[in-house]
């Protein structure tokens, strides 16, 4: 589903709304072997935007809190409490 700009966010228990966050990651494109491929990324930027993926690998700031110096054990607890998937090990 493509994001759509609306006047106000939808209501209901099934919606998760945005939070203020800084996420470190990169845009990738997968090749035929399922590996990130920089040459394919260059092509996809102009011709195949639907093949672009954002891979997040660090959460630096969340709702006014700097998380850069947080111990990994505390970060894992925060991540699990948030309900997000794929908690780092």
N, C-alpha and C. Protein backbone atom coordinates (compact mmCIF):
# COMPACT_ATOMS: atom_id res chain seq x y z
N UNK A 1 0.85 -1.17 0.00
CA UNK A 1 0.00 0.00 0.00
C UNK A 1 0.89 1.24 0.00
N UNK A 2 0.64 2.15 -0.89
CA UNK A 2 1.42 3.38 -0.97
C UNK A 2 0.90 4.38 0.07
N UNK A 3 1.81 5.13 0.71
CA UNK A 3 1.37 6.14 1.68
C UNK A 3 0.60 7.25 0.97
N UNK A 4 -0.38 7.78 1.67
CA UNK A 4 -1.22 8.85 1.13
C UNK A 4 -1.32 9.96 2.18
N UNK A 5 -1.13 11.20 1.76
CA UNK A 5 -1.25 12.33 2.65
C UNK A 5 -2.73 12.59 2.94
N UNK A 6 -3.08 12.66 4.23
CA UNK A 6 -4.45 12.92 4.64
C UNK A 6 -4.46 14.05 5.65
N UNK A 7 -5.64 14.63 5.87
CA UNK A 7 -5.76 15.76 6.79
C UNK A 7 -5.53 15.35 8.25
N UNK A 8 -6.00 14.16 8.63
CA UNK A 8 -5.78 13.69 10.00
C UNK A 8 -5.61 12.18 9.98
N UNK A 9 -4.90 11.62 10.95
CA UNK A 9 -4.64 10.17 10.95
C UNK A 9 -5.91 9.37 11.20
N UNK A 10 -5.97 8.14 10.66
CA UNK A 10 -7.13 7.29 10.91
C UNK A 10 -7.23 6.90 12.37
N UNK A 11 -8.43 6.57 12.81
CA UNK A 11 -8.67 6.19 14.20
C UNK A 11 -8.92 4.69 14.28
N UNK A 12 -8.77 4.13 15.47
CA UNK A 12 -9.08 2.72 15.69
C UNK A 12 -7.90 1.99 16.30
N UNK A 13 -8.20 0.86 16.92
CA UNK A 13 -7.18 0.07 17.61
C UNK A 13 -6.22 -0.65 16.66
N UNK A 14 -6.57 -0.77 15.39
CA UNK A 14 -5.72 -1.50 14.45
C UNK A 14 -4.65 -0.63 13.81
N UNK A 15 -4.62 0.66 14.15
CA UNK A 15 -3.65 1.58 13.55
C UNK A 15 -2.52 1.88 14.53
N UNK A 16 -1.29 1.87 14.02
CA UNK A 16 -0.13 2.32 14.78
C UNK A 16 0.31 3.64 14.15
N UNK A 17 0.35 4.69 14.95
CA UNK A 17 0.69 6.01 14.41
C UNK A 17 2.16 6.31 14.59
N UNK A 18 2.65 7.22 13.79
CA UNK A 18 4.06 7.58 13.78
C UNK A 18 4.50 8.16 15.11
N UNK A 19 5.75 7.93 15.42
CA UNK A 19 6.39 8.54 16.57
C UNK A 19 7.57 9.34 16.06
N UNK A 20 8.03 10.28 16.85
CA UNK A 20 9.22 11.04 16.50
C UNK A 20 10.44 10.13 16.70
N UNK A 21 11.17 9.88 15.63
CA UNK A 21 12.31 8.96 15.71
C UNK A 21 13.36 9.31 14.67
N UNK A 22 14.60 8.93 14.96
CA UNK A 22 15.69 8.98 13.98
C UNK A 22 16.18 7.54 13.82
N UNK A 23 16.04 7.03 12.60
CA UNK A 23 16.41 5.65 12.30
C UNK A 23 17.55 5.66 11.30
N UNK A 24 18.60 4.89 11.58
CA UNK A 24 19.73 4.78 10.68
C UNK A 24 19.51 3.53 9.82
N UNK A 25 19.69 3.67 8.54
CA UNK A 25 19.50 2.54 7.65
C UNK A 25 19.96 2.90 6.25
N UNK A 26 19.60 2.05 5.31
CA UNK A 26 19.99 2.31 3.93
C UNK A 26 18.95 1.75 2.98
N UNK A 27 18.90 2.32 1.79
CA UNK A 27 18.03 1.84 0.73
C UNK A 27 18.81 0.78 -0.04
N UNK A 28 18.17 -0.37 -0.31
CA UNK A 28 18.82 -1.44 -1.05
C UNK A 28 17.90 -1.95 -2.15
N UNK A 29 18.49 -2.67 -3.09
CA UNK A 29 17.78 -3.46 -4.09
C UNK A 29 18.42 -4.83 -4.07
N UNK A 30 17.59 -5.86 -4.12
CA UNK A 30 18.10 -7.22 -4.10
C UNK A 30 18.31 -7.72 -5.53
N UNK A 31 19.40 -8.46 -5.74
CA UNK A 31 19.63 -9.07 -7.06
C UNK A 31 18.93 -10.42 -7.13
N UNK A 32 19.17 -11.18 -8.20
CA UNK A 32 18.50 -12.47 -8.39
C UNK A 32 18.85 -13.49 -7.31
N UNK A 33 19.98 -13.30 -6.63
CA UNK A 33 20.39 -14.21 -5.56
C UNK A 33 19.91 -13.76 -4.19
N UNK A 34 19.16 -12.64 -4.14
CA UNK A 34 18.64 -12.13 -2.88
C UNK A 34 19.64 -11.32 -2.08
N UNK A 35 20.72 -10.86 -2.74
CA UNK A 35 21.75 -10.06 -2.09
C UNK A 35 21.62 -8.60 -2.50
N UNK A 36 22.01 -7.70 -1.59
CA UNK A 36 22.01 -6.28 -1.90
C UNK A 36 22.97 -6.02 -3.04
N UNK A 37 22.54 -5.23 -4.02
CA UNK A 37 23.34 -5.02 -5.23
C UNK A 37 23.34 -3.53 -5.58
N UNK A 38 24.51 -2.88 -5.45
CA UNK A 38 24.62 -1.44 -5.67
C UNK A 38 24.33 -1.06 -7.13
N UNK A 39 24.80 -1.87 -8.08
CA UNK A 39 24.54 -1.56 -9.49
C UNK A 39 23.04 -1.60 -9.78
N UNK A 40 22.34 -2.58 -9.22
CA UNK A 40 20.89 -2.66 -9.40
C UNK A 40 20.18 -1.50 -8.70
N UNK A 41 20.74 -1.06 -7.59
CA UNK A 41 20.17 0.10 -6.88
C UNK A 41 20.21 1.33 -7.78
N UNK A 42 21.32 1.56 -8.43
CA UNK A 42 21.45 2.73 -9.31
C UNK A 42 20.40 2.70 -10.41
N UNK A 43 20.12 1.52 -10.97
CA UNK A 43 19.10 1.40 -12.03
C UNK A 43 17.70 1.61 -11.45
N UNK A 44 17.45 1.02 -10.29
CA UNK A 44 16.11 1.04 -9.71
C UNK A 44 15.67 2.44 -9.27
N UNK A 45 16.63 3.28 -8.90
CA UNK A 45 16.28 4.63 -8.43
C UNK A 45 15.47 5.38 -9.49
N UNK A 46 15.81 5.19 -10.75
CA UNK A 46 15.10 5.93 -11.81
C UNK A 46 14.07 5.08 -12.56
N UNK A 47 14.22 3.75 -12.53
CA UNK A 47 13.35 2.93 -13.37
C UNK A 47 12.46 1.93 -12.63
N UNK A 48 12.83 1.56 -11.41
CA UNK A 48 12.09 0.49 -10.73
C UNK A 48 11.95 0.81 -9.24
N UNK A 49 11.33 1.93 -8.93
CA UNK A 49 11.22 2.34 -7.53
C UNK A 49 10.52 1.29 -6.67
N UNK A 50 9.65 0.48 -7.26
CA UNK A 50 8.93 -0.55 -6.49
C UNK A 50 9.87 -1.64 -5.97
N UNK A 51 11.11 -1.71 -6.48
CA UNK A 51 12.09 -2.70 -6.02
C UNK A 51 12.97 -2.19 -4.87
N UNK A 52 12.78 -0.94 -4.46
CA UNK A 52 13.59 -0.36 -3.40
C UNK A 52 13.09 -0.80 -2.03
N UNK A 53 14.01 -1.13 -1.13
CA UNK A 53 13.70 -1.50 0.25
C UNK A 53 14.51 -0.62 1.19
N UNK A 54 13.90 -0.21 2.30
CA UNK A 54 14.64 0.48 3.35
C UNK A 54 14.95 -0.54 4.43
N UNK A 55 16.23 -0.72 4.72
CA UNK A 55 16.67 -1.64 5.76
C UNK A 55 17.16 -0.79 6.93
N UNK A 56 16.44 -0.86 8.04
CA UNK A 56 16.82 -0.12 9.25
C UNK A 56 17.76 -0.97 10.07
N UNK A 57 18.86 -0.37 10.55
CA UNK A 57 19.77 -1.14 11.38
C UNK A 57 20.13 -0.47 12.69
N UNK A 58 19.56 0.70 12.98
CA UNK A 58 19.79 1.32 14.28
C UNK A 58 18.71 2.35 14.56
N UNK A 59 18.28 2.41 15.80
CA UNK A 59 17.33 3.40 16.27
C UNK A 59 18.10 4.36 17.16
N UNK A 60 18.31 5.59 16.68
CA UNK A 60 19.19 6.53 17.36
C UNK A 60 18.46 7.44 18.35
N UNK A 61 17.21 7.75 18.06
CA UNK A 61 16.47 8.74 18.85
C UNK A 61 15.00 8.36 18.79
N UNK A 62 14.30 8.38 19.92
CA UNK A 62 12.89 8.01 19.93
C UNK A 62 12.13 8.88 20.93
N UNK A 63 11.14 9.60 20.43
CA UNK A 63 10.24 10.43 21.23
C UNK A 63 11.01 11.29 22.24
N UNK A 64 12.01 12.01 21.77
CA UNK A 64 12.76 12.92 22.62
C UNK A 64 13.88 12.29 23.42
N UNK A 65 14.14 11.00 23.24
CA UNK A 65 15.20 10.32 24.00
C UNK A 65 16.34 9.89 23.08
N UNK A 66 17.55 10.30 23.43
CA UNK A 66 18.75 9.90 22.70
C UNK A 66 19.09 8.48 23.11
N UNK A 67 19.12 7.54 22.16
CA UNK A 67 19.36 6.13 22.44
C UNK A 67 20.77 5.68 22.07
N UNK A 68 21.61 6.59 21.60
CA UNK A 68 22.92 6.19 21.11
C UNK A 68 23.81 5.56 22.18
N UNK A 69 23.69 5.97 23.44
CA UNK A 69 24.54 5.42 24.49
C UNK A 69 23.85 4.36 25.33
N UNK A 70 22.68 3.92 24.88
CA UNK A 70 21.92 2.92 25.62
C UNK A 70 22.61 1.56 25.52
N UNK A 71 22.73 0.86 26.65
CA UNK A 71 23.29 -0.48 26.64
C UNK A 71 22.42 -1.39 25.77
N UNK A 72 23.04 -2.35 25.10
CA UNK A 72 22.29 -3.23 24.21
C UNK A 72 21.19 -3.98 24.97
N UNK A 73 21.43 -4.38 26.20
CA UNK A 73 20.40 -5.10 26.97
C UNK A 73 19.19 -4.20 27.22
N UNK A 74 19.43 -2.92 27.49
CA UNK A 74 18.32 -1.98 27.68
C UNK A 74 17.61 -1.69 26.36
N UNK A 75 18.38 -1.62 25.30
CA UNK A 75 17.81 -1.38 23.98
C UNK A 75 16.88 -2.53 23.60
N UNK A 76 17.30 -3.77 23.87
CA UNK A 76 16.47 -4.94 23.57
C UNK A 76 15.15 -4.87 24.35
N UNK A 77 15.22 -4.49 25.63
CA UNK A 77 14.01 -4.38 26.44
C UNK A 77 13.06 -3.33 25.86
N UNK A 78 13.62 -2.17 25.48
CA UNK A 78 12.82 -1.10 24.88
C UNK A 78 12.18 -1.58 23.59
N UNK A 79 12.95 -2.29 22.79
CA UNK A 79 12.48 -2.79 21.50
C UNK A 79 11.33 -3.77 21.70
N UNK A 80 11.49 -4.71 22.62
CA UNK A 80 10.43 -5.69 22.89
C UNK A 80 9.18 -5.02 23.44
N UNK A 81 9.36 -4.07 24.33
CA UNK A 81 8.23 -3.36 24.93
C UNK A 81 7.45 -2.58 23.87
N UNK A 82 8.14 -2.10 22.85
CA UNK A 82 7.51 -1.30 21.80
C UNK A 82 6.58 -2.12 20.91
N UNK A 83 6.74 -3.44 20.93
CA UNK A 83 5.91 -4.29 20.07
C UNK A 83 6.47 -4.44 18.67
N UNK A 84 7.67 -3.90 18.41
CA UNK A 84 8.28 -4.03 17.09
C UNK A 84 8.78 -5.46 16.88
N UNK A 85 8.94 -5.84 15.63
CA UNK A 85 9.39 -7.19 15.30
C UNK A 85 10.90 -7.25 15.15
N UNK A 86 11.44 -8.46 15.08
CA UNK A 86 12.86 -8.70 14.80
C UNK A 86 13.78 -8.01 15.78
N UNK A 87 13.62 -8.32 17.05
CA UNK A 87 14.47 -7.74 18.10
C UNK A 87 15.89 -8.21 17.87
N UNK A 88 16.88 -7.28 17.88
CA UNK A 88 18.28 -7.69 17.68
C UNK A 88 18.76 -8.57 18.82
N UNK A 89 19.66 -9.50 18.49
CA UNK A 89 20.20 -10.40 19.52
C UNK A 89 21.62 -10.06 19.85
